[in-house]
Amino acid sequence: MAPKAPKFELKTPKGTKDWQGKEMVVRDKIFNTITQVFKRHGGVTIDTPVFELKEILAGKYGEDSKLIYDLADQGGELCSLRYDLTVPFARWLAMNRNIQNIKRYHIAKVYRRDQPAMTKGRMREFYQCDFDIAGSYDAMVPDAEIIRIITEVFDGLGWKGTYTVKLNHRKILDGIFQVCGVPEDKIRAISSAVDKLDKLPWSDVHKEMTQEKGLDPEVADKIGEWVVLKGKQDLLERLRSDEKLAANPSMKQGMDDLELMFSYLEAFNVLDVVSFDLSLARGLDYYTGVIYEVVTEGSAPSTTPAPQEVVPAPNKKNKFSSDPDEDRSSDPSVGVGSVAAGGRYDNLVGMFSGKTQIPCVGISFGVDRIFSITEARMAADKSSGLVRSNEVDAYVMAFGGKGFTGLLKERMSVCTTLWEAGVKAEFLYKVKPKLSNQFKAAEVNGVPFAIILGEDELAQGKVKVKEMGLSDDHPEKEGVLVNLADIAQEMKQRLQRKRELDQLTGRAQGLRVVEGIKAEDVTPAEKAAAVEAAATDAVTPAEKQA
């Protein structure tokens, strides 16, 4: 007797989703690109529990602490789902005191009870990819390498020229606040308000600082003169030229750090992507030095929200702000936000160890936000259809006339030969399948090659290899006969040649399918050059026989 259907609605919790098909292919490509960069820079990976003791996470995230998911009491231990991967890393360092320096990377899910906007990558369960350098080194050297890592990741994803690394220093911000007259006990709260300038107009931020956090309006006005500025070394010189700022000890240390860092960024050849932005504050309490944030064309909202002092019309419900659990994907005032962020946190390990301070600096990439922008670009370029949901290289099929047996065992045997050679292959799970159904299965999954078994050809020790999607006038449109004994080597060489051709053609087009870069027009000469270059690279056994 079949079980009864559940009476509740089958769905995922708010702010979460199931990943499948082409989404997984694109996401895995993002993971692989990021991991390759991390390993290139000497990173080693660790893994930590998905939940931590509540006291480990408490007091580390400032105003964002309210977004932490607390779990029910389990045997006397109060636990919370991890909010990020940084605090668990600091806890791990404090517990492993024999480790005084490490380049660590960690790719895992984190959880935040934030208001979701699913199509913009703002979720409650999402992946972060973190790279952190822990240990005592000469000033600004690891901090500069982090920015080099950022550029390698986004250039590797095909985003070159479309992103900016916003850079600031916590001590510079503190110095500005001190000179402007912010009381010491309000600096973190005011910093959190300034951090909202990428999402809110200055009038809203000014209102929050004065009306909600009790800051003198004149002090807020002074802050406003500075936090709107951005530049590179020129902005640093402007700050130094102000006598009051230059005399502030915190300000001086921050400016000295950034001056050194700019020289290292030039050596790493990444200065052109950096913007020194005084509005960047990063609301988390544990940052102590340089802070970073990466934004791209899809980061900003499509419209700027109106100042809060504008009173909505009576009886008109504000559908985007009334329910903190409501998905805001359709709200034009909500953007994807930053796609990576991080900074220096020299005191976090000491919060757990009590004595040992291990300076750290790191960056966290938001995979779901990167995916959201990539998906939007692919849709605009109509390139999503080029992404396959599986990686099968060859579909083994069979056909015959009257008395056709289906050649099931023969198909199994050919697949086994291909699998043992490392070639990805499939066949239809039917004893006597129709040829049309076999071709349909291959076409639906975008399989590039068909290996066709016929009774007469098999009797001669031959099979037919057909590359899918060839033009009608192509000499191999109907396929080519090859020796069954050579099928594995034949396929490996054909696949290698196809990969090289696809790579060259893709380079000529300026199209990197999974990465979502906008395709450029390709001249006939470029296409011809790509095809000719690939055609000379590999010769298959069948071609040698010919």
Protein backbone atom coordinates (compact mmCIF):
# COMPACT_ATOMS: atom_id res chain seq x y z
CA MET A 1 0.00 0.00 0.00
CA ALA A 2 1.44 3.36 -1.06
CA PRO A 3 2.11 5.86 1.73
CA LYS A 4 -0.21 8.83 2.04
CA ALA A 5 0.99 12.19 0.76
CA PRO A 6 2.01 14.65 3.50
CA LYS A 7 -0.57 17.25 4.46
CA PHE A 8 2.01 20.04 4.70
CA GLU A 9 3.42 21.98 1.73
CA LEU A 10 6.64 20.52 0.34
CA LYS A 11 9.15 23.37 0.06
CA THR A 12 12.58 24.46 1.23
CA PRO A 13 12.86 26.89 4.16
CA LYS A 14 12.92 30.61 3.35
CA GLY A 15 16.28 31.78 2.15
CA THR A 16 17.39 28.33 0.98
CA LYS A 17 17.17 26.42 -2.30
CA ASP A 18 17.92 23.10 -3.98
CA TRP A 19 20.77 23.21 -6.50
CA GLN A 20 20.61 21.03 -9.60
CA GLY A 21 21.55 20.54 -13.24
CA LYS A 22 23.36 23.41 -14.95
CA GLU A 23 23.38 25.42 -11.71
CA MET A 24 25.64 22.79 -10.18
CA VAL A 25 27.95 22.82 -13.21
CA VAL A 26 28.37 26.60 -13.01
CA ARG A 27 28.82 26.56 -9.23
CA ASP A 28 31.40 23.76 -9.42
CA LYS A 29 33.31 25.78 -12.01
CA ILE A 30 33.37 28.72 -9.59
CA PHE A 31 34.58 26.44 -6.77
CA ASN A 32 37.29 24.92 -8.96
CA THR A 33 38.56 28.30 -10.16
CA ILE A 34 38.76 29.64 -6.61
CA THR A 35 40.39 26.47 -5.24
CA GLN A 36 43.08 26.51 -7.95
CA VAL A 37 44.03 30.07 -6.99
CA PHE A 38 44.10 29.21 -3.28
CA LYS A 39 46.42 26.25 -3.90
CA ARG A 40 48.61 28.34 -6.23
CA HIS A 41 49.32 30.62 -3.27
CA GLY A 42 50.21 27.78 -0.90
CA GLY A 43 46.85 27.34 0.81
CA VAL A 44 46.02 24.24 2.86
CA THR A 45 42.43 23.41 3.74
CA ILE A 46 40.76 22.64 7.05
CA ASP A 47 37.17 21.85 8.05
CA THR A 48 35.31 22.95 11.17
CA PRO A 49 31.87 22.04 12.60
CA VAL A 50 28.84 23.66 11.00
CA PHE A 51 27.74 24.75 14.49
CA GLU A 52 29.77 26.25 17.32
CA LEU A 53 29.19 26.88 21.01
CA LYS A 54 27.09 30.03 21.27
CA GLU A 55 29.71 31.74 23.43
CA ILE A 56 32.30 31.33 20.64
CA LEU A 57 30.26 33.47 18.24
CA ALA A 58 28.91 35.96 20.80
CA GLY A 59 30.28 39.50 20.67
CA LYS A 60 32.17 39.10 17.38
CA TYR A 61 29.75 40.54 14.82
CA GLY A 62 28.50 43.84 16.24
CA GLU A 63 24.97 44.70 15.14
CA ASP A 64 24.88 41.62 12.90
CA SER A 65 24.87 39.32 15.95
CA LYS A 66 21.07 39.35 15.73
CA LEU A 67 21.36 37.39 12.46
CA ILE A 68 22.94 34.33 14.11
CA TYR A 69 20.83 31.15 14.11
CA ASP A 70 20.63 29.76 17.66
CA LEU A 71 19.92 26.05 18.14
CA ALA A 72 17.78 24.41 20.80
CA ASP A 73 19.53 23.25 23.97
CA GLN A 74 21.26 19.93 23.26
CA GLY A 75 22.29 18.17 26.46
CA GLY A 76 23.27 21.37 28.22
CA GLU A 77 25.30 22.88 25.36
CA LEU A 78 23.97 26.09 23.79
CA CYS A 79 25.04 26.12 20.15
CA SER A 80 24.61 28.35 17.10
CA LEU A 81 25.07 27.77 13.37
CA ARG A 82 28.26 29.40 12.16
CA TYR A 83 27.80 32.94 10.83
CA ASP A 84 31.06 32.94 8.88
CA LEU A 85 34.26 30.88 8.54
CA THR A 86 36.56 33.45 10.15
CA VAL A 87 35.59 33.13 13.82
CA PRO A 88 35.72 29.29 13.71
CA PHE A 89 39.20 29.59 12.14
CA ALA A 90 40.34 31.86 14.98
CA ARG A 91 38.93 29.38 17.51
CA TRP A 92 40.80 26.57 15.72
CA LEU A 93 44.07 28.53 15.89
CA ALA A 94 43.57 29.20 19.60
CA MET A 95 43.05 25.46 20.21
CA ASN A 96 46.11 24.47 18.13
CA ARG A 97 48.82 26.61 19.71
CA ASN A 98 51.61 24.72 17.96
CA ILE A 99 50.45 26.36 14.70
CA GLN A 100 51.83 29.90 14.61
CA ASN A 101 51.54 30.53 10.88
CA ILE A 102 49.42 29.03 8.11
CA LYS A 103 47.85 29.88 4.77
CA ARG A 104 44.46 28.27 5.20
CA TYR A 105 41.48 28.00 2.89
CA HIS A 106 38.01 26.73 3.69
CA ILE A 107 34.97 26.30 1.44
CA ALA A 108 31.74 25.63 3.33
CA LYS A 109 28.20 26.79 4.07
CA VAL A 110 27.36 29.51 6.58
CA TYR A 111 24.01 30.67 7.96
CA ARG A 112 22.48 34.10 8.56
CA ARG A 113 18.91 35.02 9.41
CA ASP A 114 18.98 37.94 6.98
CA GLN A 115 16.11 39.12 4.79
CA PRO A 116 16.48 37.00 1.64
CA ALA A 117 16.60 38.09 -1.99
CA MET A 118 17.13 34.73 -3.66
CA THR A 119 17.71 35.76 -7.29
CA LYS A 120 20.33 38.24 -6.13
CA GLY A 121 22.32 35.69 -4.17
CA ARG A 122 21.20 37.03 -0.78
CA MET A 123 20.36 33.82 1.05
CA ARG A 124 20.17 32.43 4.58
CA GLU A 125 22.24 29.35 3.76
CA PHE A 126 25.13 30.08 1.42
CA TYR A 127 28.70 29.11 0.58
CA GLN A 128 31.76 31.13 1.48
CA CYS A 129 35.25 30.49 0.13
CA ASP A 130 37.82 31.87 2.56
CA PHE A 131 41.58 32.34 2.31
CA ASP A 132 43.45 33.59 5.37
CA ILE A 133 47.12 34.18 6.14
CA ALA A 134 47.90 33.75 9.85
CA GLY A 135 51.24 34.61 11.45
CA SER A 136 53.65 37.46 12.17
CA TYR A 137 55.17 38.89 8.99
CA ASP A 138 56.53 42.23 7.81
CA ALA A 139 53.79 44.85 7.52
CA MET A 140 51.42 44.80 4.56
CA VAL A 141 53.10 41.93 2.68
CA PRO A 142 50.34 39.33 3.26
CA ASP A 143 47.69 42.07 3.04
CA ALA A 144 48.87 42.91 -0.48
CA GLU A 145 48.99 39.25 -1.51
CA ILE A 146 45.32 38.91 -0.52
CA ILE A 147 44.44 41.53 -3.15
CA ARG A 148 46.57 39.65 -5.68
CA ILE A 149 44.53 36.52 -4.84
CA ILE A 150 41.30 38.48 -5.34
CA THR A 151 42.34 39.57 -8.83
CA GLU A 152 43.42 36.06 -9.84
CA VAL A 153 40.05 34.65 -8.77
CA PHE A 154 37.91 37.18 -10.62
CA ASP A 155 40.17 37.28 -13.69
CA GLY A 156 40.00 33.47 -13.70
CA LEU A 157 36.20 33.70 -13.65
CA GLY A 158 36.31 35.96 -16.71
CA TRP A 159 35.42 39.17 -14.85
CA LYS A 160 38.54 41.12 -15.84
CA GLY A 161 37.75 44.82 -16.16
CA THR A 162 34.31 44.54 -14.52
CA TYR A 163 35.13 44.62 -10.79
CA THR A 164 36.69 46.98 -8.24
CA VAL A 165 38.50 46.14 -5.01
CA LYS A 166 37.45 48.78 -2.47
CA LEU A 167 40.15 49.33 0.14
CA ASN A 168 40.24 51.17 3.47
CA HIS A 169 41.93 50.94 6.87
CA ARG A 170 40.18 50.64 10.22
CA LYS A 171 42.69 52.96 11.89
CA ILE A 172 42.10 55.64 9.25
CA LEU A 173 38.37 55.47 9.91
CA ASP A 174 38.93 55.59 13.66
CA GLY A 175 41.25 58.57 13.21
CA ILE A 176 38.65 60.46 11.14
CA PHE A 177 35.97 59.74 13.75
CA GLN A 178 38.26 60.88 16.58
CA VAL A 179 39.25 64.11 14.84
CA CYS A 180 35.61 64.84 13.96
CA GLY A 181 34.62 64.43 17.61
CA VAL A 182 32.91 61.03 17.82
CA PRO A 183 32.90 59.76 21.43
CA GLU A 184 35.02 56.62 21.88
CA ASP A 185 32.03 54.54 22.96
CA LYS A 186 30.15 55.40 19.75
CA ILE A 187 32.91 54.73 17.19
CA ARG A 188 31.84 51.16 16.36
CA ALA A 189 28.16 52.14 16.08
CA ILE A 190 28.96 55.11 13.81
CA SER A 191 31.28 52.91 11.74
CA SER A 192 28.40 50.48 11.22
CA ALA A 193 26.21 53.34 9.99
CA VAL A 194 28.87 54.60 7.55
CA ASP A 195 29.16 51.08 6.14
CA LYS A 196 25.61 51.43 4.77
CA LEU A 197 26.55 54.22 2.35
CA ASP A 198 26.72 51.77 -0.55
CA LYS A 199 23.04 50.93 0.04
CA LEU A 200 21.53 54.14 1.44
CA PRO A 201 21.75 57.85 0.59
CA TRP A 202 23.78 60.08 2.92
CA SER A 203 20.58 61.61 4.34
CA ASP A 204 19.51 58.22 5.70
CA VAL A 205 22.95 57.47 7.15
CA HIS A 206 23.08 60.96 8.72
CA LYS A 207 19.65 60.36 10.27
CA GLU A 208 20.75 57.00 11.71
CA MET A 209 23.88 58.52 13.24
CA THR A 210 22.08 61.49 14.81
CA GLN A 211 18.54 60.35 15.63
CA GLU A 212 19.12 56.64 16.32
CA LYS A 213 22.66 56.68 17.72
CA GLY A 214 22.69 60.09 19.37
CA LEU A 215 25.59 61.70 17.49
CA ASP A 216 25.85 65.49 17.39
CA PRO A 217 24.62 66.66 13.92
CA GLU A 218 27.70 68.89 13.50
CA VAL A 219 29.97 65.90 14.09
CA ALA A 220 27.98 63.89 11.54
CA ASP A 221 28.38 66.72 9.01
CA LYS A 222 32.16 66.69 9.50
CA ILE A 223 32.23 62.93 8.95
CA GLY A 224 30.20 63.38 5.77
CA GLU A 225 32.89 65.62 4.28
CA TRP A 226 35.41 62.76 4.44
CA VAL A 227 33.54 59.50 3.91
CA VAL A 228 32.37 60.48 0.41
CA LEU A 229 35.96 60.56 -0.87
CA LYS A 230 37.68 57.86 -2.91
CA GLY A 231 40.84 57.57 -4.99
CA LYS A 232 44.29 55.97 -4.78
CA GLN A 233 47.59 57.45 -3.57
CA ASP A 234 46.22 60.91 -4.35
CA LEU A 235 43.61 60.54 -1.60
CA LEU A 236 46.31 59.44 0.82
CA GLU A 237 48.22 62.65 0.09
CA ARG A 238 45.06 64.69 0.64
CA LEU A 239 44.59 63.10 4.06
CA ARG A 240 48.22 63.79 4.99
CA SER A 241 47.81 67.44 4.01
CA ASP A 242 45.18 67.96 6.72
CA GLU A 243 47.09 68.98 9.86
CA LYS A 244 44.54 67.64 12.34
CA LEU A 245 44.28 64.26 10.62
CA ALA A 246 48.05 63.96 10.15
CA ALA A 247 48.58 64.59 13.89
CA ASN A 248 46.23 61.79 14.97
CA PRO A 249 48.25 58.66 15.99
CA SER A 250 45.65 56.18 14.69
CA MET A 251 45.37 58.07 11.41
CA LYS A 252 49.16 58.22 10.99
CA GLN A 253 49.58 54.48 11.47
CA GLY A 254 46.81 53.71 8.98
CA MET A 255 48.24 56.08 6.37
CA ASP A 256 51.75 54.62 6.80
CA ASP A 257 50.33 51.13 6.30
CA LEU A 258 48.46 52.08 3.13
CA GLU A 259 51.43 53.95 1.67
CA LEU A 260 53.49 50.79 2.03
CA MET A 261 50.67 48.66 0.70
CA PHE A 262 50.23 50.75 -2.45
CA SER A 263 53.89 50.15 -3.30
CA TYR A 264 53.40 46.39 -2.91
CA LEU A 265 50.21 46.43 -4.99
CA GLU A 266 52.20 48.06 -7.78
CA ALA A 267 54.75 45.23 -7.56
CA PHE A 268 51.93 42.67 -7.72
CA ASN A 269 50.53 44.50 -10.78
CA VAL A 270 47.06 44.93 -9.25
CA LEU A 271 46.95 48.66 -8.45
CA ASP A 272 44.60 49.42 -11.35
CA VAL A 273 41.66 47.48 -9.80
CA VAL A 274 41.93 49.12 -6.36
CA SER A 275 39.89 52.08 -5.11
CA PHE A 276 40.80 53.68 -1.76
CA ASP A 277 37.26 54.33 -0.47
CA LEU A 278 36.69 56.11 2.85
CA SER A 279 33.06 54.97 3.03
CA LEU A 280 34.13 51.33 3.39
CA ALA A 281 33.76 50.44 7.06
CA ARG A 282 32.92 46.69 7.34
CA GLY A 283 30.56 46.40 10.29
CA LEU A 284 32.14 43.36 11.97
CA ASP A 285 33.83 44.13 15.29
CA TYR A 286 36.95 42.02 14.82
CA TYR A 287 38.68 44.00 12.03
CA THR A 288 41.76 45.94 13.15
CA GLY A 289 43.58 47.11 10.01
CA VAL A 290 43.16 46.95 6.24
CA ILE A 291 39.64 46.09 5.05
CA TYR A 292 38.54 45.02 1.56
CA GLU A 293 35.33 44.70 -0.40
CA VAL A 294 34.85 43.64 -4.02
CA VAL A 295 32.01 45.07 -6.09
CA THR A 296 31.08 44.56 -9.72
CA GLU A 297 28.54 45.86 -12.23
CA GLY A 298 25.78 43.72 -10.75
CA SER A 299 26.48 44.62 -7.11
CA ALA A 300 24.53 47.87 -6.88
CA PRO A 301 20.72 48.07 -6.70
CA SER A 302 18.93 49.10 -9.90
CA THR A 303 17.41 52.09 -8.10
CA THR A 304 18.55 54.11 -5.11
CA PRO A 305 16.14 53.85 -2.19
CA ALA A 306 14.34 57.05 -1.30
CA PRO A 307 15.37 58.75 1.95
CA GLN A 308 13.52 57.34 4.93
CA GLU A 309 12.12 60.70 5.95
CA VAL A 310 9.81 60.57 2.93
CA VAL A 311 6.50 59.46 4.42
CA PRO A 312 4.63 56.82 2.37
CA ALA A 313 1.07 57.49 1.28
CA PRO A 314 -1.57 56.59 3.88
CA ASN A 315 -2.94 53.02 3.81
CA LYS A 316 -0.28 52.01 1.27
CA LYS A 317 1.60 48.94 2.46
CA ASN A 318 5.38 48.94 2.02
CA LYS A 319 5.64 45.40 0.70
CA PHE A 320 9.42 45.29 0.81
CA SER A 321 9.97 46.22 4.46
CA SER A 322 7.01 44.97 6.48
CA ASP A 323 8.08 41.32 6.73
CA PRO A 324 11.73 40.49 7.54
CA ASP A 325 11.17 36.98 6.16
CA GLU A 326 9.81 38.15 2.80
CA ASP A 327 11.97 37.54 -0.25
CA ARG A 328 13.06 40.87 -1.77
CA SER A 329 14.29 39.61 -5.14
CA SER A 330 11.89 41.94 -6.98
CA ASP A 331 12.79 45.00 -4.89
CA PRO A 332 14.84 47.30 -7.19
CA SER A 333 16.45 48.97 -4.17
CA VAL A 334 18.15 45.70 -3.17
CA GLY A 335 21.31 44.77 -5.07
CA VAL A 336 23.54 41.72 -4.94
CA GLY A 337 26.02 43.64 -2.80
CA SER A 338 29.70 42.84 -2.45
CA VAL A 339 30.92 39.56 -3.96
CA ALA A 340 33.95 39.26 -1.67
CA ALA A 341 35.06 40.98 1.52
CA GLY A 342 37.63 40.70 4.27
CA GLY A 343 40.45 42.40 6.08
CA ARG A 344 42.97 42.22 8.91
CA TYR A 345 41.95 40.90 12.33
CA ASP A 346 44.95 40.78 14.66
CA ASN A 347 43.13 40.38 17.99
CA LEU A 348 40.50 37.72 17.24
CA VAL A 349 42.62 34.68 18.16
CA GLY A 350 43.56 36.38 21.44
CA MET A 351 39.87 36.63 22.35
CA PHE A 352 39.91 32.83 22.69
CA SER A 353 43.47 32.06 23.82
CA GLY A 354 43.75 34.89 26.34
CA LYS A 355 47.50 35.22 25.77
CA THR A 356 48.60 34.22 22.30
CA GLN A 357 47.94 36.82 19.62
CA ILE A 358 48.26 35.53 16.06
CA PRO A 359 47.87 38.32 13.49
CA CYS A 360 45.59 37.31 10.59
CA VAL A 361 44.37 38.76 7.32
CA GLY A 362 41.93 37.17 4.89
CA ILE A 363 39.25 37.37 2.23
CA SER A 364 35.89 35.65 1.87
CA PHE A 365 34.25 35.07 -1.52
CA GLY A 366 30.45 34.88 -1.63
CA VAL A 367 29.84 32.07 -4.11
CA ASP A 368 26.06 32.49 -4.29
CA ARG A 369 26.38 36.18 -5.15
CA ILE A 370 29.05 35.42 -7.73
CA PHE A 371 26.73 32.76 -9.17
CA SER A 372 23.79 35.19 -9.27
CA ILE A 373 25.73 37.75 -11.32
CA THR A 374 27.22 35.03 -13.55
CA GLU A 375 23.76 33.60 -14.23
CA ALA A 376 22.39 37.03 -15.15
CA ARG A 377 25.27 37.66 -17.56
CA MET A 378 24.86 34.26 -19.17
CA ALA A 379 21.13 34.88 -19.66
CA ALA A 380 21.88 38.25 -21.27
CA ASP A 381 24.46 36.65 -23.57
CA LYS A 382 22.23 33.63 -24.31
CA SER A 383 25.21 31.44 -23.38
CA SER A 384 23.49 29.35 -20.69
CA GLY A 385 22.42 26.82 -23.31
CA LEU A 386 26.10 26.04 -23.86
CA VAL A 387 26.47 24.75 -20.29
CA ARG A 388 25.96 20.99 -20.00
CA SER A 389 24.43 19.39 -16.92
CA ASN A 390 26.75 16.36 -17.19
CA GLU A 391 30.22 15.66 -18.58
CA VAL A 392 29.57 12.52 -20.65
CA ASP A 393 31.95 12.38 -23.63
CA ALA A 394 30.44 9.55 -25.64
CA TYR A 395 27.03 7.87 -25.94
CA VAL A 396 27.31 4.22 -26.97
CA MET A 397 24.35 3.14 -29.10
CA ALA A 398 23.36 0.30 -31.42
CA PHE A 399 21.09 -0.29 -34.41
CA GLY A 400 20.13 -3.16 -36.69
CA GLY A 401 17.53 -4.53 -39.08
CA LYS A 402 15.17 -7.46 -38.77
CA GLY A 403 16.05 -9.71 -35.86
CA PHE A 404 18.03 -6.92 -34.13
CA THR A 405 18.95 -8.05 -30.61
CA GLY A 406 19.88 -4.63 -29.24
CA LEU A 407 23.55 -5.55 -28.69
CA LEU A 408 23.16 -4.73 -24.99
CA LYS A 409 26.19 -6.73 -23.80
CA GLU A 410 28.29 -5.29 -26.62
CA ARG A 411 27.29 -1.75 -25.58
CA MET A 412 28.15 -2.60 -21.99
CA SER A 413 31.53 -3.95 -23.09
CA VAL A 414 32.39 -0.83 -25.12
CA CYS A 415 31.37 1.41 -22.20
CA THR A 416 33.56 -0.65 -19.88
CA THR A 417 36.54 -0.21 -22.23
CA LEU A 418 35.95 3.56 -22.32
CA TRP A 419 35.49 3.85 -18.54
CA GLU A 420 38.73 1.95 -17.92
CA ALA A 421 40.50 4.43 -20.22
CA GLY A 422 39.05 7.41 -18.34
CA VAL A 423 36.51 8.34 -21.03
CA LYS A 424 33.09 9.35 -19.67
CA ALA A 425 30.43 7.26 -21.41
CA GLU A 426 26.78 6.22 -21.15
CA PHE A 427 24.32 3.89 -22.87
CA LEU A 428 20.53 3.55 -22.81
CA TYR A 429 19.16 1.10 -20.24
CA LYS A 430 16.98 -0.82 -22.70
CA VAL A 431 17.58 -4.21 -24.27
CA LYS A 432 16.39 -3.21 -27.75
CA PRO A 433 16.31 0.59 -27.94
CA LYS A 434 15.26 2.58 -30.98
CA LEU A 435 18.14 4.45 -32.63
CA SER A 436 16.12 7.68 -32.55
CA ASN A 437 15.65 7.39 -28.78
CA GLN A 438 19.37 6.85 -28.29
CA PHE A 439 20.24 9.92 -30.35
CA LYS A 440 17.64 11.94 -28.45
CA ALA A 441 19.20 10.96 -25.11
CA ALA A 442 22.62 12.05 -26.38
CA GLU A 443 21.32 15.35 -27.77
CA VAL A 444 19.36 16.27 -24.63
CA ASN A 445 22.54 15.99 -22.55
CA GLY A 446 24.77 17.66 -25.12
CA VAL A 447 27.02 14.60 -25.50
CA PRO A 448 29.66 15.49 -28.13
CA PHE A 449 30.24 12.00 -29.61
CA ALA A 450 28.13 8.98 -30.50
CA ILE A 451 29.70 5.52 -30.84
CA ILE A 452 27.38 3.46 -33.01
CA LEU A 453 27.46 -0.34 -33.01
CA GLY A 454 26.07 -2.20 -36.01
CA GLU A 455 25.96 -5.98 -36.40
CA ASP A 456 27.74 -5.99 -39.77
CA GLU A 457 30.41 -3.54 -38.62
CA LEU A 458 31.04 -5.46 -35.40
CA ALA A 459 31.55 -8.64 -37.40
CA GLN A 460 34.46 -6.80 -39.10
CA GLY A 461 35.81 -5.49 -35.78
CA LYS A 462 34.64 -1.94 -36.53
CA VAL A 463 32.42 0.69 -34.87
CA LYS A 464 31.33 4.10 -36.11
CA VAL A 465 32.33 7.31 -34.31
CA LYS A 466 30.10 10.30 -35.03
CA GLU A 467 30.73 13.81 -33.76
CA MET A 468 27.41 15.43 -32.94
CA GLY A 469 26.38 18.77 -34.38
CA LEU A 470 28.57 18.82 -37.49
CA SER A 471 27.37 20.81 -40.48
CA ASP A 472 25.71 18.98 -43.39
CA ASP A 473 28.69 19.56 -45.67
CA HIS A 474 31.26 18.27 -43.17
CA PRO A 475 33.12 15.19 -44.51
CA GLU A 476 32.52 13.29 -41.24
CA LYS A 477 28.87 14.28 -40.89
CA GLU A 478 27.76 10.60 -41.06
CA GLY A 479 30.62 9.40 -38.86
CA VAL A 480 33.80 7.45 -39.51
CA LEU A 481 34.55 3.72 -39.07
CA VAL A 482 37.34 2.87 -36.62
CA ASN A 483 38.78 -0.36 -35.26
CA LEU A 484 36.94 -1.53 -32.15
CA ALA A 485 40.31 -2.41 -30.59
CA ASP A 486 41.39 1.24 -30.96
CA ILE A 487 38.18 2.82 -29.65
CA ALA A 488 39.60 4.06 -26.33
CA GLN A 489 42.68 5.69 -27.87
CA GLU A 490 40.59 7.02 -30.76
CA MET A 491 38.16 8.72 -28.38
CA LYS A 492 40.88 10.16 -26.14
CA GLN A 493 42.57 11.80 -29.11
CA ARG A 494 39.32 13.08 -30.61
CA LEU A 495 38.28 14.54 -27.26
CA GLN A 496 41.66 16.20 -26.82
CA ARG A 497 41.42 17.75 -30.27
CA LYS A 498 37.87 18.94 -29.60
CA ARG A 499 38.92 20.52 -26.30
CA GLU A 500 41.74 22.38 -28.00
CA LEU A 501 39.47 23.54 -30.81
CA ASP A 502 36.81 24.69 -28.35
CA GLN A 503 39.44 26.54 -26.34
CA LEU A 504 40.86 28.30 -29.38
CA THR A 505 37.45 29.16 -30.78
CA GLY A 506 36.33 30.40 -27.38
CA ARG A 507 39.44 32.57 -27.15
CA ALA A 508 38.72 34.07 -30.55
CA GLN A 509 35.16 34.81 -29.51
CA GLY A 510 36.13 36.32 -26.17
CA LEU A 511 33.54 33.94 -24.73
CA ARG A 512 34.11 31.96 -21.55
CA VAL A 513 30.85 30.10 -21.28
CA VAL A 514 30.57 29.26 -17.61
CA GLU A 515 32.14 32.49 -16.43
CA GLY A 516 29.41 34.58 -18.07
CA ILE A 517 31.59 37.12 -19.88
CA LYS A 518 29.81 38.97 -22.67
CA ALA A 519 30.52 37.38 -26.07
CA GLU A 520 32.15 39.55 -28.70
CA ASP A 521 31.70 39.32 -32.44
CA VAL A 522 34.16 37.00 -34.15
CA THR A 523 35.61 37.76 -37.53
CA PRO A 524 35.77 34.99 -40.16
CA ALA A 525 39.55 35.28 -40.09
CA GLU A 526 39.63 34.62 -36.34
CA LYS A 527 37.38 31.59 -36.70
CA ALA A 528 39.49 30.20 -39.54
CA ALA A 529 42.70 30.70 -37.57
CA ALA A 530 41.27 28.89 -34.55
CA VAL A 531 40.05 25.94 -36.60
CA GLU A 532 43.31 25.66 -38.54
CA ALA A 533 45.41 25.76 -35.37
CA ALA A 534 43.38 23.01 -33.73
CA ALA A 535 43.27 20.84 -36.84
CA THR A 536 47.06 20.49 -36.90
CA ASP A 537 47.41 19.42 -33.26
CA ALA A 538 46.18 15.81 -33.14
CA VAL A 539 45.76 12.99 -35.60
CA THR A 540 43.61 10.01 -34.62
CA PRO A 541 44.43 6.37 -35.43
CA ALA A 542 41.62 6.35 -38.01
CA GLU A 543 43.10 9.38 -39.78
CA LYS A 544 46.53 7.76 -39.80
CA GLN A 545 45.06 4.71 -41.54
CA ALA A 546 43.42 6.93 -44.14
